[in-house]
Protein backbone atom coordinates (compact mmCIF):
# COMPACT_ATOMS: atom_id res chain seq x y z
CA MET A 1 72.45 23.49 -17.76
CA ASP A 2 73.98 24.07 -21.21
CA ALA A 3 71.93 26.19 -23.24
CA LEU A 4 72.64 24.31 -26.24
CA ALA A 5 72.37 20.95 -24.58
CA VAL A 6 71.00 17.96 -26.06
CA PRO A 7 67.75 16.15 -24.66
CA CYS A 8 68.07 12.73 -23.62
CA GLU A 9 65.08 12.19 -25.61
CA ARG A 10 64.98 13.92 -29.29
CA GLY A 11 61.91 14.00 -31.26
CA ARG A 12 61.33 15.35 -34.62
CA GLY A 13 62.24 18.98 -34.84
CA TRP A 14 63.62 19.16 -31.09
CA TYR A 15 66.11 21.48 -32.14
CA LEU A 16 64.32 24.82 -32.92
CA SER A 17 63.71 25.77 -29.59
CA LEU A 18 67.34 26.62 -30.09
CA MET A 19 66.68 29.26 -32.27
CA ALA A 20 67.15 32.73 -30.72
CA PRO A 21 64.03 35.55 -31.06
CA ASN A 22 65.31 39.09 -32.64
CA ALA A 23 67.00 41.17 -30.26
CA LYS A 24 68.06 44.50 -32.45
CA GLY A 25 64.40 45.44 -34.19
CA LYS A 26 62.51 45.55 -37.20
CA ASN A 27 65.36 45.98 -39.61
CA PHE A 28 66.43 42.44 -39.04
CA ALA A 29 64.62 39.05 -39.43
CA TRP A 30 62.27 37.63 -36.89
CA LEU A 31 64.30 34.94 -35.51
CA ASP A 32 67.75 33.61 -35.80
CA PRO A 33 67.99 29.88 -36.79
CA SER A 34 71.81 29.88 -36.42
CA ARG A 35 72.00 28.44 -32.86
CA ILE A 36 71.34 25.36 -34.53
CA TYR A 37 74.59 24.79 -36.18
CA CYS A 38 76.21 25.40 -33.08
CA ASN A 39 75.22 22.45 -31.85
CA HIS A 40 76.70 18.89 -33.83
CA GLN A 41 73.82 16.77 -33.08
CA ALA A 42 71.06 19.49 -33.76
CA LEU A 43 72.50 20.11 -37.05
CA SER A 44 73.37 16.43 -37.85
CA ASP A 45 69.22 15.88 -36.94
CA CYS A 46 68.25 18.93 -39.05
CA VAL A 47 69.95 17.77 -42.09
CA LYS A 48 68.44 14.06 -41.47
CA ASP A 49 64.77 15.95 -41.20
CA LEU A 50 65.73 17.73 -44.28
CA LEU A 51 66.78 14.64 -46.53
CA GLN A 52 64.36 12.54 -45.38
CA PRO A 53 61.61 12.98 -48.45
CA PHE A 54 64.43 12.74 -50.86
CA GLN A 55 66.01 9.43 -50.24
CA ASN A 56 64.35 8.16 -53.07
CA GLU A 57 65.73 10.89 -55.55
CA THR A 58 68.73 10.81 -57.65
CA ILE A 59 70.83 14.05 -56.73
CA ASP A 60 73.95 14.79 -58.20
CA LEU A 61 74.43 18.30 -56.72
CA VAL A 62 73.97 20.77 -53.62
CA ALA A 63 72.96 24.49 -54.03
CA GLY A 64 72.78 26.79 -51.32
CA ILE A 65 71.90 30.31 -51.30
CA ASP A 66 74.23 32.90 -50.12
CA ALA A 67 74.49 33.30 -47.08
CA MET A 68 73.12 31.16 -44.40
CA GLY A 69 72.12 28.32 -47.10
CA PHE A 70 75.58 28.04 -47.82
CA ILE A 71 76.11 26.44 -44.17
CA LEU A 72 73.13 24.22 -44.30
CA GLY A 73 73.66 23.30 -47.76
CA SER A 74 77.40 22.38 -47.22
CA ALA A 75 76.22 20.16 -44.30
CA VAL A 76 73.92 18.44 -46.51
CA ALA A 77 76.28 18.32 -49.78
CA THR A 78 78.77 16.40 -47.31
CA THR A 79 75.92 14.26 -45.76
CA LEU A 80 75.26 13.26 -49.19
CA GLY A 81 78.82 13.10 -50.70
CA LYS A 82 77.89 15.08 -53.08
CA GLY A 83 79.39 18.49 -53.98
CA PHE A 84 78.19 21.78 -53.18
CA LEU A 85 77.87 24.80 -55.91
CA ALA A 86 76.87 28.33 -53.65
CA ILE A 87 74.67 30.66 -55.36
CA ARG A 88 75.77 34.23 -54.29
CA LYS A 89 74.92 37.70 -54.54
CA ALA A 90 76.09 39.94 -56.94
CA GLY A 91 79.56 41.12 -57.59
CA HIS A 92 81.42 38.06 -55.72
CA LEU A 93 82.56 35.90 -58.74
CA CYS A 94 85.72 36.38 -60.89
CA VAL A 95 83.88 34.13 -63.63
CA GLN A 96 81.38 34.21 -65.99
CA THR A 97 77.97 34.19 -64.27
CA GLU A 98 74.50 34.10 -64.83
CA SER A 99 72.27 36.70 -62.72
CA GLN A 100 68.67 36.96 -61.38
CA THR A 101 67.14 39.82 -59.69
CA TYR A 102 65.17 38.97 -56.65
CA THR A 103 63.32 40.98 -53.98
CA ASP A 104 63.83 39.41 -50.54
CA TYR A 105 61.96 39.02 -47.10
CA SER A 106 62.76 42.85 -46.41
CA GLY A 107 61.41 44.12 -49.96
CA ARG A 108 64.95 45.59 -50.96
CA GLU A 109 65.62 44.53 -54.31
CA LYS A 110 68.59 42.42 -55.27
CA LEU A 111 70.58 40.61 -57.90
CA MET A 112 71.98 36.92 -57.16
CA GLU A 113 74.27 35.24 -59.71
CA VAL A 114 75.59 31.69 -60.50
CA ARG A 115 78.91 30.76 -62.14
CA MET A 116 77.96 29.13 -65.62
CA ASP A 117 80.18 26.04 -65.81
CA VAL A 118 78.95 23.67 -63.32
CA LEU A 119 74.99 23.34 -63.93
CA LYS A 120 73.81 22.06 -67.30
CA PRO A 121 70.94 20.16 -68.73
CA GLY A 122 70.80 16.70 -66.96
CA LEU A 123 72.41 17.88 -63.66
CA ARG A 124 69.87 17.14 -60.83
CA VAL A 125 69.85 20.00 -57.82
CA LEU A 126 68.67 20.33 -54.86
CA LEU A 127 68.55 24.22 -53.65
CA VAL A 128 69.33 24.53 -49.71
CA ASP A 129 68.57 28.06 -47.74
CA GLN A 130 67.87 28.83 -44.15
CA TRP A 131 64.26 30.17 -44.22
CA ILE A 132 61.49 30.48 -46.94
CA GLU A 133 59.72 33.88 -45.72
CA THR A 134 58.36 35.49 -48.97
CA GLY A 135 59.84 33.06 -51.43
CA GLY A 136 61.45 35.33 -53.41
CA THR A 137 64.68 34.83 -52.69
CA MET A 138 64.15 30.88 -53.39
CA ARG A 139 62.37 31.46 -56.66
CA ALA A 140 65.54 33.48 -58.05
CA ALA A 141 67.59 30.68 -57.45
CA ILE A 142 65.32 28.44 -59.05
CA SER A 143 65.23 30.28 -61.98
CA LEU A 144 68.75 30.44 -62.60
CA VAL A 145 69.13 26.98 -62.18
CA GLU A 146 66.51 25.78 -64.43
CA ARG A 147 67.18 28.73 -66.97
CA LEU A 148 70.94 27.38 -67.14
CA GLY A 149 69.57 23.61 -67.95
CA ALA A 150 69.57 21.74 -64.61
CA THR A 151 66.40 20.19 -63.01
CA VAL A 152 65.55 21.25 -59.63
CA VAL A 153 64.79 17.98 -57.61
CA GLY A 154 63.57 19.83 -54.59
CA VAL A 155 63.56 22.65 -52.35
CA ALA A 156 65.25 22.10 -48.53
CA VAL A 157 64.91 24.58 -45.39
CA ILE A 158 64.48 24.90 -42.07
CA ALA A 159 60.78 26.52 -42.17
CA ILE A 160 58.43 27.64 -44.77
CA GLU A 161 56.09 30.57 -43.59
CA SER A 162 52.34 30.48 -45.01
CA THR A 163 52.71 33.23 -47.35
CA GLU A 164 52.01 33.26 -51.19
CA GLY A 165 55.43 32.77 -51.90
CA GLY A 166 55.67 29.70 -49.74
CA GLN A 167 52.91 27.93 -51.02
CA TRP A 168 53.57 28.42 -54.68
CA ILE A 169 57.16 26.61 -53.78
CA LYS A 170 54.91 23.95 -52.17
CA GLU A 171 52.99 23.50 -54.91
CA ASN A 172 55.29 23.62 -57.53
CA TYR A 173 58.22 21.75 -56.38
CA ARG A 174 58.97 19.07 -53.79
CA TYR A 175 59.91 20.61 -50.57
CA SER A 176 60.97 19.44 -46.92
CA HIS A 177 61.24 21.71 -43.69
CA CYS A 178 61.83 20.49 -40.24
CA ILE A 179 58.58 21.95 -38.99
CA PRO A 180 55.96 19.29 -36.99
CA GLU A 181 52.73 20.28 -38.00
CA ASP A 182 51.59 21.50 -34.37
CA LEU A 183 54.88 24.54 -34.52
CA GLN A 184 53.19 25.79 -38.12
CA ALA A 185 51.06 28.17 -36.87
CA GLN A 186 53.72 29.91 -34.42
CA ILE A 187 55.84 30.04 -37.36
CA ASP A 188 53.36 31.90 -39.85
CA LYS A 189 52.78 34.08 -36.64
CA GLN A 190 56.46 34.84 -36.41
CA TYR A 191 56.79 34.34 -32.64
CA LEU A 192 57.89 30.98 -31.01
CA GLU A 193 56.58 29.84 -27.66
CA SER A 194 60.19 28.54 -27.25
CA PHE A 195 61.54 32.23 -26.91
CA LYS A 196 60.33 32.82 -23.39
CA SER A 197 63.21 31.09 -22.26
CA PHE A 198 65.31 33.00 -23.35
CA LYS A 199 66.57 36.25 -21.19
CA ASN A 200 65.64 39.56 -21.84
CA HIS A 201 62.98 38.89 -24.32
CA THR A 202 60.03 40.59 -24.69
CA GLN A 203 57.36 39.77 -27.77
């Protein structure tokens, strides 16, 4: 059977079992959600789930965070029929930018930037990324958007871990994620039972 095959009956979050475990050690994230994007139906259902809480919200622009947020964010923007803004790691944009330091899930301090000629007061922005672990990256993106006068309508990610940073985002912004309540504990333990289906994987 194709490992990316779509089940006949699809419940909410069915595509989460496609996510692959870390096979390269502690210097990498604990899982790789990007196999979801390799399956058209999985990506479509993921985007649909992310947008459900925002169906009555006015969204003018979707902003995705470098790098995996570009993929998911672009799919969200296309579904909405809206434009897409890339929030990038510093040093890649050849136009005037606003920048913000942040500490990512690995504990390393980094710098992100966004072009200054798009965000403006009154613009309503949906922020999209792949995952929230510590929340440092998303908080920096929120800061950039708001500093330039735009409004953060909400945050959309595949999962938000129950860390201090994750809880702060849930308490302060409208949010959406794809994790059913019965899977949240596995997400917080950073191990999914579905990993057992992957060959050569040991916890």
